Amino acid sequence: QVEFLERAGVDVDVFHFKGAKRLSN
């Protein structure tokens, strides 16, 4: 989805994290 949004001319900055079911994360 990110790839095709960018192909359509949208700048996408992905911020990813791993929650792992932990509030501290």
PDB file of all heavy atoms in Angstrom:
ATOM      1  N   GLN A   1       0.828  -1.200   0.000  1.00  0.00           N
ATOM      2  CA  GLN A   1       0.000   0.000   0.000  1.00  0.00           C
ATOM      3  C   GLN A   1       0.871   1.261   0.000  1.00  0.00           C
ATOM      4  O   GLN A   1       0.587   2.214  -0.731  1.00  0.00           O
ATOM      5  CB  GLN A   1      -0.941   0.020   1.207  1.00  0.00           C
ATOM      6  CG  GLN A   1      -1.882   1.205   1.207  1.00  0.00           C
ATOM      7  CD  GLN A   1      -2.976   1.099   2.247  1.00  0.00           C
ATOM      8  OE1 GLN A   1      -2.888   1.709   3.308  1.00  0.00           O
ATOM      9  NE2 GLN A   1      -4.025   0.335   1.945  1.00  0.00           N
ATOM     10  N   VAL A   2       1.939   1.241   0.796  1.00  0.00           N
ATOM     11  CA  VAL A   2       2.856   2.379   0.813  1.00  0.00           C
ATOM     12  C   VAL A   2       3.451   2.600  -0.577  1.00  0.00           C
ATOM     13  O   VAL A   2       3.503   3.732  -1.081  1.00  0.00           O
ATOM     14  CB  VAL A   2       3.977   2.158   1.849  1.00  0.00           C
ATOM     15  CG1 VAL A   2       5.061   3.227   1.706  1.00  0.00           C
ATOM     16  CG2 VAL A   2       3.413   2.166   3.260  1.00  0.00           C
ATOM     17  N   GLU A   3       3.873   1.510  -1.205  1.00  0.00           N
ATOM     18  CA  GLU A   3       4.483   1.611  -2.537  1.00  0.00           C
ATOM     19  C   GLU A   3       3.536   2.253  -3.545  1.00  0.00           C
ATOM     20  O   GLU A   3       3.910   3.156  -4.303  1.00  0.00           O
ATOM     21  CB  GLU A   3       4.878   0.216  -3.025  1.00  0.00           C
ATOM     22  CG  GLU A   3       5.416   0.186  -4.446  1.00  0.00           C
ATOM     23  CD  GLU A   3       5.601  -1.216  -4.996  1.00  0.00           C
ATOM     24  OE1 GLU A   3       5.543  -2.193  -4.212  1.00  0.00           O
ATOM     25  OE2 GLU A   3       5.791  -1.341  -6.229  1.00  0.00           O
ATOM     26  N   PHE A   4       2.277   1.823  -3.548  1.00  0.00           N
ATOM     27  CA  PHE A   4       1.342   2.330  -4.550  1.00  0.00           C
ATOM     28  C   PHE A   4       0.836   3.728  -4.207  1.00  0.00           C
ATOM     29  O   PHE A   4       0.507   4.506  -5.109  1.00  0.00           O
ATOM     30  CB  PHE A   4       0.187   1.348  -4.741  1.00  0.00           C
ATOM     31  CG  PHE A   4       0.529   0.232  -5.700  1.00  0.00           C
ATOM     32  CD1 PHE A   4       1.250  -0.870  -5.282  1.00  0.00           C
ATOM     33  CD2 PHE A   4       0.155   0.303  -7.035  1.00  0.00           C
ATOM     34  CE1 PHE A   4       1.573  -1.897  -6.157  1.00  0.00           C
ATOM     35  CE2 PHE A   4       0.484  -0.707  -7.928  1.00  0.00           C
ATOM     36  CZ  PHE A   4       1.193  -1.811  -7.491  1.00  0.00           C
ATOM     37  N   LEU A   5       0.783   4.078  -2.933  1.00  0.00           N
ATOM     38  CA  LEU A   5       0.466   5.459  -2.582  1.00  0.00           C
ATOM     39  C   LEU A   5       1.557   6.389  -3.089  1.00  0.00           C
ATOM     40  O   LEU A   5       1.283   7.476  -3.619  1.00  0.00           O
ATOM     41  CB  LEU A   5       0.311   5.594  -1.066  1.00  0.00           C
ATOM     42  CG  LEU A   5      -0.980   5.047  -0.455  1.00  0.00           C
ATOM     43  CD1 LEU A   5      -0.886   5.058   1.069  1.00  0.00           C
ATOM     44  CD2 LEU A   5      -2.199   5.850  -0.921  1.00  0.00           C
ATOM     45  N   GLU A   6       2.808   5.957  -2.929  1.00  0.00           N
ATOM     46  CA  GLU A   6       3.926   6.773  -3.413  1.00  0.00           C
ATOM     47  C   GLU A   6       3.931   6.853  -4.932  1.00  0.00           C
ATOM     48  O   GLU A   6       4.244   7.895  -5.512  1.00  0.00           O
ATOM     49  CB  GLU A   6       5.238   6.211  -2.874  1.00  0.00           C
ATOM     50  CG  GLU A   6       5.390   6.418  -1.359  1.00  0.00           C
ATOM     51  CD  GLU A   6       6.671   5.843  -0.804  1.00  0.00           C
ATOM     52  OE1 GLU A   6       7.222   4.896  -1.428  1.00  0.00           O
ATOM     53  OE2 GLU A   6       7.129   6.324   0.251  1.00  0.00           O
ATOM     54  N   ARG A   7       3.573   5.755  -5.603  1.00  0.00           N
ATOM     55  CA  ARG A   7       3.467   5.787  -7.060  1.00  0.00           C
ATOM     56  C   ARG A   7       2.413   6.798  -7.510  1.00  0.00           C
ATOM     57  O   ARG A   7       2.527   7.414  -8.571  1.00  0.00           O
ATOM     58  CB  ARG A   7       3.068   4.406  -7.602  1.00  0.00           C
ATOM     59  CG  ARG A   7       4.160   3.364  -7.614  1.00  0.00           C
ATOM     60  CD  ARG A   7       3.684   2.184  -8.437  1.00  0.00           C
ATOM     61  NE  ARG A   7       4.489   0.989  -8.219  1.00  0.00           N
ATOM     62  CZ  ARG A   7       4.315  -0.157  -8.869  1.00  0.00           C
ATOM     63  NH1 ARG A   7       3.340  -0.251  -9.766  1.00  0.00           N
ATOM     64  NH2 ARG A   7       5.083  -1.204  -8.627  1.00  0.00           N
ATOM     65  N   ALA A   8       1.377   6.961  -6.682  1.00  0.00           N
ATOM     66  CA  ALA A   8       0.297   7.890  -7.013  1.00  0.00           C
ATOM     67  C   ALA A   8       0.636   9.325  -6.647  1.00  0.00           C
ATOM     68  O   ALA A   8      -0.190  10.223  -6.813  1.00  0.00           O
ATOM     69  CB  ALA A   8      -0.987   7.463  -6.304  1.00  0.00           C
ATOM     70  N   GLY A   9       1.843   9.558  -6.139  1.00  0.00           N
ATOM     71  CA  GLY A   9       2.291  10.915  -5.882  1.00  0.00           C
ATOM     72  C   GLY A   9       2.179  11.378  -4.445  1.00  0.00           C
ATOM     73  O   GLY A   9       2.328  12.568  -4.168  1.00  0.00           O
ATOM     74  N   VAL A  10       1.914  10.465  -3.512  1.00  0.00           N
ATOM     75  CA  VAL A  10       1.822  10.827  -2.105  1.00  0.00           C
ATOM     76  C   VAL A  10       3.165  10.589  -1.428  1.00  0.00           C
ATOM     77  O   VAL A  10       3.798   9.548  -1.636  1.00  0.00           O
ATOM     78  CB  VAL A  10       0.729   9.994  -1.399  1.00  0.00           C
ATOM     79  CG1 VAL A  10       0.646  10.344   0.083  1.00  0.00           C
ATOM     80  CG2 VAL A  10      -0.620  10.193  -2.068  1.00  0.00           C
ATOM     81  N   ASP A  11       3.605  11.536  -0.618  1.00  0.00           N
ATOM     82  CA  ASP A  11       4.800  11.333   0.208  1.00  0.00           C
ATOM     83  C   ASP A  11       4.370  10.599   1.482  1.00  0.00           C
ATOM     84  O   ASP A  11       3.557  11.117   2.250  1.00  0.00           O
ATOM     85  CB  ASP A  11       5.441  12.677   0.587  1.00  0.00           C
ATOM     86  CG  ASP A  11       6.309  13.233  -0.519  1.00  0.00           C
ATOM     87  OD1 ASP A  11       6.796  12.438  -1.349  1.00  0.00           O
ATOM     88  OD2 ASP A  11       6.486  14.457  -0.573  1.00  0.00           O
ATOM     89  N   VAL A  12       4.901   9.400   1.698  1.00  0.00           N
ATOM     90  CA  VAL A  12       4.535   8.604   2.864  1.00  0.00           C
ATOM     91  C   VAL A  12       5.764   8.397   3.737  1.00  0.00           C
ATOM     92  O   VAL A  12       6.771   7.836   3.288  1.00  0.00           O
ATOM     93  CB  VAL A  12       3.950   7.235   2.462  1.00  0.00           C
ATOM     94  CG1 VAL A  12       3.495   6.468   3.709  1.00  0.00           C
ATOM     95  CG2 VAL A  12       2.787   7.403   1.491  1.00  0.00           C
ATOM     96  N   ASP A  13       5.687   8.878   4.961  1.00  0.00           N
ATOM     97  CA  ASP A  13       6.751   8.664   5.947  1.00  0.00           C
ATOM     98  C   ASP A  13       6.244   7.612   6.931  1.00  0.00           C
ATOM     99  O   ASP A  13       5.312   7.859   7.690  1.00  0.00           O
ATOM    100  CB  ASP A  13       7.067   9.972   6.670  1.00  0.00           C
ATOM    101  CG  ASP A  13       8.211   9.817   7.672  1.00  0.00           C
ATOM    102  OD1 ASP A  13       8.931   8.790   7.611  1.00  0.00           O
ATOM    103  OD2 ASP A  13       8.373  10.717   8.521  1.00  0.00           O
ATOM    104  N   VAL A  14       6.847   6.418   6.889  1.00  0.00           N
ATOM    105  CA  VAL A  14       6.388   5.312   7.721  1.00  0.00           C
ATOM    106  C   VAL A  14       7.125   5.314   9.055  1.00  0.00           C
ATOM    107  O   VAL A  14       8.358   5.262   9.095  1.00  0.00           O
ATOM    108  CB  VAL A  14       6.600   3.958   7.019  1.00  0.00           C
ATOM    109  CG1 VAL A  14       6.164   2.808   7.943  1.00  0.00           C
ATOM    110  CG2 VAL A  14       5.825   3.902   5.713  1.00  0.00           C
ATOM    111  N   PHE A  15       6.371   5.389  10.133  1.00  0.00           N
ATOM    112  CA  PHE A  15       6.921   5.210  11.473  1.00  0.00           C
ATOM    113  C   PHE A  15       6.387   3.887  11.994  1.00  0.00           C
ATOM    114  O   PHE A  15       5.177   3.721  12.181  1.00  0.00           O
ATOM    115  CB  PHE A  15       6.498   6.346  12.407  1.00  0.00           C
ATOM    116  CG  PHE A  15       6.993   6.160  13.820  1.00  0.00           C
ATOM    117  CD1 PHE A  15       8.259   6.598  14.191  1.00  0.00           C
ATOM    118  CD2 PHE A  15       6.212   5.526  14.774  1.00  0.00           C
ATOM    119  CE1 PHE A  15       8.731   6.422  15.485  1.00  0.00           C
ATOM    120  CE2 PHE A  15       6.675   5.343  16.072  1.00  0.00           C
ATOM    121  CZ  PHE A  15       7.934   5.784  16.429  1.00  0.00           C
ATOM    122  N   HIS A  16       7.297   2.937  12.202  1.00  0.00           N
ATOM    123  CA  HIS A  16       6.846   1.626  12.667  1.00  0.00           C
ATOM    124  C   HIS A  16       7.499   1.277  13.997  1.00  0.00           C
ATOM    125  O   HIS A  16       8.591   1.745  14.334  1.00  0.00           O
ATOM    126  CB  HIS A  16       7.129   0.542  11.617  1.00  0.00           C
ATOM    127  CG  HIS A  16       8.586   0.332  11.313  1.00  0.00           C
ATOM    128  ND1 HIS A  16       9.350  -0.619  11.955  1.00  0.00           N
ATOM    129  CD2 HIS A  16       9.401   0.936  10.418  1.00  0.00           C
ATOM    130  CE1 HIS A  16      10.578  -0.591  11.469  1.00  0.00           C
ATOM    131  NE2 HIS A  16      10.636   0.350  10.538  1.00  0.00           N
ATOM    132  N   PHE A  17       6.790   0.488  14.751  1.00  0.00           N
ATOM    133  CA  PHE A  17       7.262   0.069  16.062  1.00  0.00           C
ATOM    134  C   PHE A  17       6.691  -1.312  16.338  1.00  0.00           C
ATOM    135  O   PHE A  17       5.821  -1.808  15.614  1.00  0.00           O
ATOM    136  CB  PHE A  17       6.806   1.055  17.147  1.00  0.00           C
ATOM    137  CG  PHE A  17       5.312   1.059  17.380  1.00  0.00           C
ATOM    138  CD1 PHE A  17       4.758   0.423  18.479  1.00  0.00           C
ATOM    139  CD2 PHE A  17       4.456   1.703  16.484  1.00  0.00           C
ATOM    140  CE1 PHE A  17       3.394   0.417  18.689  1.00  0.00           C
ATOM    141  CE2 PHE A  17       3.084   1.703  16.696  1.00  0.00           C
ATOM    142  CZ  PHE A  17       2.549   1.058  17.796  1.00  0.00           C
ATOM    143  N   LYS A  18       7.178  -1.954  17.359  1.00  0.00           N
ATOM    144  CA  LYS A  18       6.677  -3.269  17.755  1.00  0.00           C
ATOM    145  C   LYS A  18       6.054  -3.153  19.132  1.00  0.00           C
ATOM    146  O   LYS A  18       6.749  -3.005  20.138  1.00  0.00           O
ATOM    147  CB  LYS A  18       7.817  -4.300  17.766  1.00  0.00           C
ATOM    148  CG  LYS A  18       7.320  -5.733  17.970  1.00  0.00           C
ATOM    149  CD  LYS A  18       6.477  -6.189  16.798  1.00  0.00           C
ATOM    150  CE  LYS A  18       6.030  -7.640  16.973  1.00  0.00           C
ATOM    151  NZ  LYS A  18       5.102  -8.052  15.913  1.00  0.00           N
ATOM    152  N   GLY A  19       4.735  -3.214  19.164  1.00  0.00           N
ATOM    153  CA  GLY A  19       4.047  -3.110  20.439  1.00  0.00           C
ATOM    154  C   GLY A  19       4.249  -4.333  21.317  1.00  0.00           C
ATOM    155  O   GLY A  19       4.450  -4.212  22.526  1.00  0.00           O
ATOM    156  N   ALA A  20       4.188  -5.524  20.699  1.00  0.00           N
ATOM    157  CA  ALA A  20       4.401  -6.785  21.411  1.00  0.00           C
ATOM    158  C   ALA A  20       3.543  -6.904  22.670  1.00  0.00           C
ATOM    159  O   ALA A  20       3.949  -7.514  23.652  1.00  0.00           O
ATOM    160  CB  ALA A  20       5.880  -6.978  21.751  1.00  0.00           C
ATOM    161  N   LYS A  21       2.369  -6.279  22.627  1.00  0.00           N
ATOM    162  CA  LYS A  21       1.399  -6.375  23.731  1.00  0.00           C
ATOM    163  C   LYS A  21       1.939  -5.805  25.048  1.00  0.00           C
ATOM    164  O   LYS A  21       1.519  -6.215  26.129  1.00  0.00           O
ATOM    165  CB  LYS A  21       0.965  -7.833  23.927  1.00  0.00           C
ATOM    166  CG  LYS A  21       0.430  -8.491  22.665  1.00  0.00           C
ATOM    167  CD  LYS A  21       0.181  -9.973  22.879  1.00  0.00           C
ATOM    168  CE  LYS A  21      -0.206 -10.648  21.582  1.00  0.00           C
ATOM    169  NZ  LYS A  21      -0.352 -12.113  21.740  1.00  0.00           N
ATOM    170  N   ARG A  22       2.864  -4.856  24.953  1.00  0.00           N
ATOM    171  CA  ARG A  22       3.457  -4.263  26.155  1.00  0.00           C
ATOM    172  C   ARG A  22       3.231  -2.760  26.165  1.00  0.00           C
ATOM    173  O   ARG A  22       3.600  -2.057  25.211  1.00  0.00           O
ATOM    174  CB  ARG A  22       4.960  -4.560  26.222  1.00  0.00           C
ATOM    175  CG  ARG A  22       5.287  -6.038  26.385  1.00  0.00           C
ATOM    176  CD  ARG A  22       6.780  -6.239  26.414  1.00  0.00           C
ATOM    177  NE  ARG A  22       7.122  -7.651  26.547  1.00  0.00           N
ATOM    178  CZ  ARG A  22       8.371  -8.129  26.534  1.00  0.00           C
ATOM    179  NH1 ARG A  22       9.389  -7.273  26.381  1.00  0.00           N
ATOM    180  NH2 ARG A  22       8.591  -9.422  26.655  1.00  0.00           N
ATOM    181  N   LEU A  23       2.640  -2.258  27.254  1.00  0.00           N
ATOM    182  CA  LEU A  23       2.390  -0.827  27.380  1.00  0.00           C
ATOM    183  C   LEU A  23       3.683  -0.033  27.310  1.00  0.00           C
ATOM    184  O   LEU A  23       3.730   1.059  26.723  1.00  0.00           O
ATOM    185  CB  LEU A  23       1.666  -0.547  28.705  1.00  0.00           C
ATOM    186  CG  LEU A  23       1.374   0.920  29.023  1.00  0.00           C
ATOM    187  CD1 LEU A  23       0.489   1.544  27.955  1.00  0.00           C
ATOM    188  CD2 LEU A  23       0.739   1.050  30.405  1.00  0.00           C
ATOM    189  N   SER A  24       4.763  -0.560  27.889  1.00  0.00           N
ATOM    190  CA  SER A  24       6.042   0.157  27.886  1.00  0.00           C
ATOM    191  C   SER A  24       6.544   0.391  26.463  1.00  0.00           C
ATOM    192  O   SER A  24       7.150   1.434  26.178  1.00  0.00           O
ATOM    193  CB  SER A  24       7.089  -0.613  28.692  1.00  0.00           C
ATOM    194  OG  SER A  24       7.289  -1.906  28.164  1.00  0.00           O
ATOM    195  N   ASN A  25       6.302  -0.558  25.570  1.00  0.00           N
ATOM    196  CA  ASN A  25       6.724  -0.390  24.174  1.00  0.00           C
ATOM    197  C   ASN A  25       5.961   0.756  23.508  1.00  0.00           C
ATOM    198  O   ASN A  25       6.524   1.504  22.695  1.00  0.00           O
ATOM    199  CB  ASN A  25       6.513  -1.681  23.393  1.00  0.00           C
ATOM    200  CG  ASN A  25       7.505  -2.758  23.762  1.00  0.00           C
ATOM    201  OD1 ASN A  25       8.482  -2.503  24.463  1.00  0.00           O
ATOM    202  ND2 ASN A  25       7.264  -3.978  23.306  1.00  0.00           N
TER     203      ASN A  25
END
